[in-house]
Amino acid sequence: MGFFNLLPKGIAIDIGTANFLVLQEGKIILDEPSIIAFNRITGEVIAVGSKAEQMEGKEHDNISTIRPLKNGVIADFHAAEHMIKGMLKLANPSKRGFSPSYRMVVCVPAGITEVEKRAIRDSAVIAGAKEVYLIHEPVAAAIGIGLDVQEPTGHMIIDIGSGITEIAVIALSGIVCEQSVRVAGDTFNEEIIQYMRKEHNILIGQSTAEKIKTEVGAAMSELPNPPEAYNVKGRDLMTGLPKQVIVTYPDIAACLDKSITKIEEAILITLELTPPELSSDIHQSGIYLTGGGALLRGLDMRLARKTKLPVHVVDSPLLAVIKGTGVALSNINNFKFLMR
């Protein structure tokens, strides 16, 4: 017995580095952190998703928390397999038996290798899928924000996730040119951790860095509607005692500058590789920002200044990819040629 008797139309899945999303019949039925907790001694799965995240950084010797994905692809196959199974159980908590699903559409990075594709397919099949289709994230994002990817018009999508940033020019149902950089939300968090350590002599964890990014994260040192300063609590590296410091958005903008510059360079390279006919389309329609990184304050303004192009932060950028994956699932005959 597998997992899906109640899913004859299949499900769409976004196995993100930070979050695992499941969409069924146009509705998101699961949005959980991509993390799993094991018992080190027995190997038993203790928790997945938010419950496992609550254990992260607080584990004792018998508990191990693992984030199976790095840079948008599976880094730990065993943990990924159990996480997918656990997430699908969370999505369908009914106690009735489940038979395997009819089909599953999973979005993946555009720069994924064949080995990485096989790892995702194998995990999905073991988790209970009969048919597995893979769709590239930039294409899914374009579909999710309502662009017609089949027309002969160029669209530039920048998807800034947790582990990877993908820049792609899409036309005629395919990716004409693309660049992937391993600089994204997790990189921003690491930069914030190092900044706090170097400038304030304070040690913080990933969850605190994420909170700082949310509260005062910025891509520019001057913003029209600046956020208030934020109190950060951590451990003093000199005394070992708890410590509190205040950070402002210009501080975070300065520490993220190097990472954002790398994203800008990848965008410029992609624009250089774009055929001239599609360049004129992009000049008219602009650039679309999706993914959690699109919410970084002032990023759209900074990229607009750098590229001299209009930059649009789409509605609900965190959900653009999963919504597009769901559209591809519900119109699978029309979009099958986009999937592998």
Protein backbone atom coordinates (compact mmCIF):
# COMPACT_ATOMS: atom_id res chain seq x y z
CA MET A 1 0.00 0.00 0.00
CA GLY A 2 1.29 3.44 -0.94
CA PHE A 3 -0.02 6.88 -0.13
CA PHE A 4 -2.60 8.19 -2.61
CA ASN A 5 -6.05 6.76 -3.08
CA LEU A 6 -7.67 10.16 -2.81
CA LEU A 7 -5.50 11.88 -5.41
CA PRO A 8 -6.66 10.61 -8.82
CA LYS A 9 -5.70 13.93 -10.45
CA GLY A 10 -2.24 13.92 -8.92
CA ILE A 11 -0.35 16.55 -6.95
CA ALA A 12 2.17 19.30 -7.61
CA ILE A 13 5.23 19.52 -5.36
CA ASP A 14 7.88 22.16 -4.77
CA ILE A 15 10.68 20.49 -2.81
CA GLY A 16 12.45 23.70 -1.89
CA THR A 17 15.70 24.07 0.03
CA ALA A 18 13.78 25.95 2.74
CA ASN A 19 10.12 24.94 2.29
CA PHE A 20 8.19 21.93 1.02
CA LEU A 21 4.91 22.84 -0.69
CA VAL A 22 2.17 20.55 -1.95
CA LEU A 23 -0.67 21.73 -4.19
CA GLN A 24 -3.77 19.70 -5.03
CA GLU A 25 -6.69 20.83 -7.22
CA GLY A 26 -5.47 24.42 -7.20
CA LYS A 27 -5.12 24.64 -3.41
CA ILE A 28 -1.94 24.55 -1.34
CA ILE A 29 -2.53 21.79 1.17
CA LEU A 30 0.95 21.80 2.74
CA ASP A 31 3.61 24.44 3.40
CA GLU A 32 6.27 23.17 5.79
CA PRO A 33 10.03 23.70 6.34
CA SER A 34 12.15 21.19 4.40
CA ILE A 35 13.70 19.48 7.42
CA ILE A 36 13.50 16.10 9.10
CA ALA A 37 14.53 14.84 12.55
CA PHE A 38 15.86 11.31 13.16
CA ASN A 39 16.62 9.26 16.24
CA ARG A 40 20.37 8.66 15.92
CA ILE A 41 20.20 5.30 17.72
CA THR A 42 17.20 3.65 16.03
CA GLY A 43 17.13 5.64 12.78
CA GLU A 44 13.42 6.27 13.35
CA VAL A 45 11.86 9.45 11.97
CA ILE A 46 10.89 11.66 14.92
CA ALA A 47 9.38 14.62 13.08
CA VAL A 48 9.23 16.46 9.77
CA GLY A 49 8.48 20.06 8.86
CA SER A 50 7.81 22.67 11.52
CA LYS A 51 8.08 20.19 14.41
CA ALA A 52 11.54 19.16 13.22
CA GLU A 53 12.50 22.82 12.72
CA GLN A 54 11.67 23.54 16.36
CA MET A 55 14.34 20.97 17.30
CA GLU A 56 17.03 22.47 15.03
CA GLY A 57 19.95 23.86 17.01
CA LYS A 58 18.53 22.39 20.24
CA GLU A 59 19.26 18.69 19.67
CA HIS A 60 20.80 16.34 22.21
CA ASP A 61 23.03 13.42 21.25
CA ASN A 62 20.13 11.13 20.33
CA ILE A 63 18.47 13.51 17.84
CA SER A 64 19.75 14.56 14.43
CA THR A 65 18.04 17.20 12.28
CA ILE A 66 18.80 17.20 8.55
CA ARG A 67 17.90 19.51 5.68
CA PRO A 68 18.12 17.05 2.75
CA LEU A 69 18.30 19.70 0.02
CA LYS A 70 21.15 22.05 -0.71
CA ASN A 71 21.16 24.60 -3.52
CA GLY A 72 17.78 23.33 -4.70
CA VAL A 73 18.80 19.69 -5.19
CA ILE A 74 18.86 16.56 -3.05
CA ALA A 75 22.08 16.26 -1.07
CA ASP A 76 20.96 13.42 1.23
CA PHE A 77 18.90 10.81 -0.66
CA HIS A 78 17.94 8.75 2.39
CA ALA A 79 16.74 11.78 4.36
CA ALA A 80 14.93 13.19 1.31
CA GLU A 81 13.03 9.94 0.75
CA HIS A 82 11.79 9.86 4.35
CA MET A 83 11.03 13.58 4.33
CA ILE A 84 8.89 13.30 1.18
CA LYS A 85 6.99 10.36 2.69
CA GLY A 86 6.49 12.25 5.95
CA MET A 87 5.35 15.42 4.19
CA LEU A 88 2.82 13.54 2.09
CA LYS A 89 1.42 11.95 5.23
CA LEU A 90 1.07 15.43 6.74
CA ALA A 91 -0.71 16.59 3.58
CA ASN A 92 -3.20 13.70 3.81
CA PRO A 93 -3.64 12.82 7.50
CA SER A 94 -6.67 10.58 6.89
CA LYS A 95 -6.38 7.24 8.61
CA ARG A 96 -7.85 5.44 5.62
CA GLY A 97 -5.51 3.51 3.37
CA PHE A 98 -3.88 5.19 0.39
CA SER A 99 -2.93 3.64 -2.93
CA PRO A 100 -0.22 5.16 -5.12
CA SER A 101 -0.96 8.51 -6.75
CA TYR A 102 -1.74 8.73 -10.45
CA ARG A 103 0.90 11.35 -11.18
CA MET A 104 3.21 13.83 -9.50
CA VAL A 105 4.71 17.00 -10.99
CA VAL A 106 7.84 18.26 -9.22
CA CYS A 107 9.60 21.54 -9.97
CA VAL A 108 13.41 21.48 -10.17
CA PRO A 109 16.18 24.02 -10.85
CA ALA A 110 16.94 24.68 -14.51
CA GLY A 111 20.61 23.81 -14.06
CA ILE A 112 19.95 20.41 -12.50
CA THR A 113 22.07 17.45 -13.65
CA GLU A 114 20.76 14.08 -14.85
CA VAL A 115 22.01 12.43 -11.65
CA GLU A 116 20.12 14.96 -9.55
CA LYS A 117 16.99 14.46 -11.66
CA ARG A 118 17.24 10.72 -11.09
CA ALA A 119 17.54 11.25 -7.32
CA ILE A 120 14.33 13.30 -7.27
CA ARG A 121 12.48 10.82 -9.49
CA ASP A 122 13.56 7.87 -7.35
CA SER A 123 12.52 9.65 -4.14
CA ALA A 124 9.10 10.47 -5.61
CA VAL A 125 8.54 6.89 -6.85
CA ILE A 126 9.55 5.39 -3.50
CA ALA A 127 7.18 7.86 -1.83
CA GLY A 128 4.31 6.49 -3.90
CA ALA A 129 4.13 8.16 -7.33
CA LYS A 130 3.13 6.19 -10.44
CA GLU A 131 4.09 8.94 -12.89
CA VAL A 132 6.70 11.63 -12.15
CA TYR A 133 7.16 14.74 -14.27
CA LEU A 134 9.81 17.40 -13.68
CA ILE A 135 9.38 21.04 -14.65
CA HIS A 136 12.05 23.74 -14.45
CA GLU A 137 11.43 26.33 -11.74
CA PRO A 138 11.80 29.46 -13.93
CA VAL A 139 9.24 28.06 -16.38
CA ALA A 140 6.90 27.12 -13.54
CA ALA A 141 7.31 30.62 -12.06
CA ALA A 142 6.47 32.22 -15.41
CA ILE A 143 3.34 30.08 -15.72
CA GLY A 144 2.45 30.82 -12.11
CA ILE A 145 2.45 34.59 -12.61
CA GLY A 146 0.25 34.32 -15.69
CA LEU A 147 2.76 34.69 -18.52
CA ASP A 148 2.11 32.82 -21.77
CA VAL A 149 5.32 30.84 -22.10
CA GLN A 150 4.23 29.37 -25.44
CA GLU A 151 4.14 32.65 -27.36
CA PRO A 152 7.17 33.97 -29.32
CA THR A 153 7.77 36.75 -26.79
CA GLY A 154 10.72 36.91 -24.45
CA HIS A 155 10.21 37.03 -20.67
CA MET A 156 12.99 37.31 -18.10
CA ILE A 157 12.40 35.57 -14.77
CA ILE A 158 14.66 35.87 -11.73
CA ASP A 159 13.79 33.27 -9.10
CA ILE A 160 15.65 33.89 -5.83
CA GLY A 161 15.06 30.91 -3.59
CA SER A 162 16.85 29.72 -0.48
CA GLY A 163 19.70 27.78 -2.03
CA ILE A 164 19.98 29.10 -5.58
CA THR A 165 19.13 32.08 -7.77
CA GLU A 166 18.06 31.30 -11.32
CA ILE A 167 17.91 33.86 -14.09
CA ALA A 168 16.20 32.69 -17.26
CA VAL A 169 14.88 34.12 -20.51
CA ILE A 170 11.84 32.14 -21.65
CA ALA A 171 10.18 32.08 -25.09
CA LEU A 172 8.37 29.54 -27.27
CA SER A 173 7.89 27.11 -24.37
CA GLY A 174 11.56 26.85 -23.50
CA ILE A 175 14.52 28.44 -21.76
CA VAL A 176 16.55 30.36 -24.33
CA CYS A 177 19.38 31.25 -21.96
CA GLU A 178 19.89 31.00 -18.23
CA GLN A 179 22.36 31.48 -15.41
CA SER A 180 22.32 29.85 -11.98
CA VAL A 181 24.26 31.23 -9.02
CA ARG A 182 24.51 29.57 -5.64
CA VAL A 183 23.76 32.84 -3.92
CA ALA A 184 20.29 33.17 -2.42
CA GLY A 185 18.40 33.34 0.88
CA ASP A 186 20.67 30.92 2.76
CA THR A 187 23.72 32.88 1.59
CA PHE A 188 22.14 36.07 2.90
CA ASN A 189 21.61 34.38 6.28
CA GLU A 190 25.22 33.25 6.42
CA GLU A 191 26.44 36.75 5.55
CA ILE A 192 24.32 38.15 8.40
CA ILE A 193 25.75 35.59 10.84
CA GLN A 194 29.31 36.53 9.84
CA TYR A 195 28.50 40.25 10.05
CA MET A 196 27.13 39.90 13.60
CA ARG A 197 30.19 37.91 14.59
CA LYS A 198 32.68 40.34 13.09
CA GLU A 199 31.06 43.70 13.85
CA HIS A 200 29.27 43.00 17.13
CA ASN A 201 31.21 40.03 18.50
CA ILE A 202 27.96 38.13 18.93
CA LEU A 203 27.06 34.59 17.87
CA ILE A 204 23.60 33.95 16.42
CA GLY A 205 21.91 30.98 14.75
CA GLN A 206 20.22 30.48 11.39
CA SER A 207 16.73 31.22 12.71
CA THR A 208 17.87 34.52 14.22
CA ALA A 209 19.63 35.46 10.98
CA GLU A 210 16.40 34.72 9.08
CA LYS A 211 14.49 36.93 11.51
CA ILE A 212 16.99 39.79 11.01
CA LYS A 213 16.65 39.43 7.23
CA THR A 214 12.87 39.59 7.52
CA GLU A 215 12.80 42.55 9.92
CA VAL A 216 15.59 44.80 8.59
CA GLY A 217 16.94 43.05 5.49
CA ALA A 218 17.63 45.43 2.60
CA ALA A 219 19.49 45.63 -0.69
CA MET A 220 20.06 49.41 -0.52
CA SER A 221 21.28 51.73 2.25
CA GLU A 222 18.60 54.30 1.40
CA LEU A 223 14.96 53.26 1.29
CA PRO A 224 11.80 55.35 0.91
CA ASN A 225 10.03 53.49 3.75
CA PRO A 226 12.79 52.24 6.05
CA PRO A 227 12.08 49.63 8.75
CA GLU A 228 12.81 50.37 12.40
CA ALA A 229 16.01 49.16 14.04
CA TYR A 230 15.90 45.60 15.36
CA ASN A 231 17.12 44.19 18.69
CA VAL A 232 19.23 41.08 18.21
CA LYS A 233 19.90 38.63 21.03
CA GLY A 234 22.75 36.16 20.96
CA ARG A 235 25.85 34.97 22.81
CA ASP A 236 28.81 37.23 23.47
CA LEU A 237 31.88 35.55 22.00
CA MET A 238 34.18 37.06 24.62
CA THR A 239 32.24 36.43 27.83
CA GLY A 240 29.92 33.62 26.76
CA LEU A 241 27.01 35.53 28.30
CA PRO A 242 23.73 36.45 26.56
CA LYS A 243 24.00 39.79 24.76
CA GLN A 244 21.70 42.17 22.93
CA VAL A 245 22.64 44.60 20.15
CA ILE A 246 20.73 46.85 17.79
CA VAL A 247 21.05 46.55 13.99
CA THR A 248 19.63 48.80 11.29
CA TYR A 249 18.74 48.17 7.66
CA PRO A 250 21.83 50.06 6.30
CA ASP A 251 23.99 47.63 8.33
CA ILE A 252 22.35 44.63 6.67
CA ALA A 253 22.42 46.28 3.24
CA ALA A 254 26.18 46.71 3.59
CA CYS A 255 26.78 43.10 4.65
CA LEU A 256 24.63 41.72 1.79
CA ASP A 257 26.17 43.96 -0.87
CA LYS A 258 28.77 41.43 -2.07
CA SER A 259 26.20 38.65 -2.51
CA ILE A 260 23.73 40.87 -4.35
CA THR A 261 26.52 42.05 -6.64
CA LYS A 262 27.06 38.41 -7.70
CA ILE A 263 23.37 38.15 -8.62
CA GLU A 264 23.63 41.39 -10.60
CA GLU A 265 26.63 40.04 -12.52
CA ALA A 266 24.71 36.87 -13.44
CA ILE A 267 21.77 38.99 -14.65
CA LEU A 268 24.04 41.07 -16.87
CA ILE A 269 25.62 37.92 -18.34
CA THR A 270 22.15 36.54 -19.12
CA LEU A 271 21.15 39.79 -20.80
CA GLU A 272 24.33 39.67 -22.91
CA LEU A 273 23.46 36.13 -24.04
CA THR A 274 19.87 37.04 -24.92
CA PRO A 275 19.08 37.22 -28.68
CA PRO A 276 18.39 40.80 -29.79
CA GLU A 277 14.75 40.16 -30.74
CA LEU A 278 14.06 38.87 -27.25
CA SER A 279 16.05 41.74 -25.73
CA SER A 280 13.57 44.19 -27.22
CA ASP A 281 10.71 42.23 -25.62
CA ILE A 282 12.42 42.33 -22.22
CA HIS A 283 13.11 46.05 -22.61
CA GLN A 284 9.38 46.55 -22.99
CA SER A 285 8.04 44.08 -20.41
CA GLY A 286 10.87 44.24 -17.88
CA ILE A 287 12.15 41.68 -15.40
CA TYR A 288 9.98 39.59 -13.07
CA LEU A 289 11.25 38.78 -9.57
CA THR A 290 9.95 35.64 -7.84
CA GLY A 291 10.99 33.58 -4.83
CA GLY A 292 11.48 34.60 -1.22
CA GLY A 293 14.51 36.74 -2.07
CA ALA A 294 12.26 39.01 -4.14
CA LEU A 295 10.88 40.34 -0.84
CA LEU A 296 14.25 41.83 0.18
CA ARG A 297 13.62 45.56 0.59
CA GLY A 298 14.91 47.71 -2.25
CA LEU A 299 16.11 44.79 -4.39
CA ASP A 300 13.80 45.69 -7.27
CA MET A 301 15.01 49.31 -7.22
CA ARG A 302 18.66 48.25 -7.10
CA LEU A 303 18.28 45.84 -10.03
CA ALA A 304 16.34 48.45 -12.01
CA ARG A 305 19.20 50.93 -11.56
CA LYS A 306 21.77 48.33 -12.59
CA THR A 307 19.96 47.03 -15.67
CA LYS A 308 18.10 50.20 -16.71
CA LEU A 309 15.01 47.99 -17.07
CA PRO A 310 11.67 47.92 -15.22
CA VAL A 311 11.74 45.31 -12.45
CA HIS A 312 8.51 43.85 -11.09
CA VAL A 313 8.10 41.99 -7.80
CA VAL A 314 5.23 39.62 -8.59
CA ASP A 315 2.24 39.07 -6.34
CA SER A 316 2.90 36.29 -3.79
CA PRO A 317 6.47 35.63 -5.02
CA LEU A 318 6.89 32.71 -2.60
CA LEU A 319 4.04 30.83 -4.27
CA ALA A 320 4.70 31.59 -7.94
CA VAL A 321 6.60 28.36 -8.61
CA ILE A 322 4.14 26.00 -6.90
CA LYS A 323 1.17 27.74 -8.56
CA GLY A 324 2.79 27.32 -11.97
CA THR A 325 3.55 23.68 -11.22
CA GLY A 326 -0.11 23.22 -10.33
CA VAL A 327 -1.22 24.82 -13.61
CA ALA A 328 1.10 22.47 -15.52
CA LEU A 329 -0.38 19.52 -13.63
CA SER A 330 -3.98 20.49 -14.34
CA ASN A 331 -3.17 21.06 -18.04
CA ILE A 332 -0.67 18.27 -18.37
CA ASN A 333 -1.46 17.49 -22.01
CA ASN A 334 -0.73 21.10 -23.01
CA PHE A 335 2.42 21.39 -20.92
CA LYS A 336 3.81 17.85 -21.14
CA PHE A 337 6.43 18.97 -23.68
CA LEU A 338 7.80 21.37 -21.01
CA MET A 339 8.37 18.49 -18.59
CA ARG A 340 10.90 15.73 -18.48
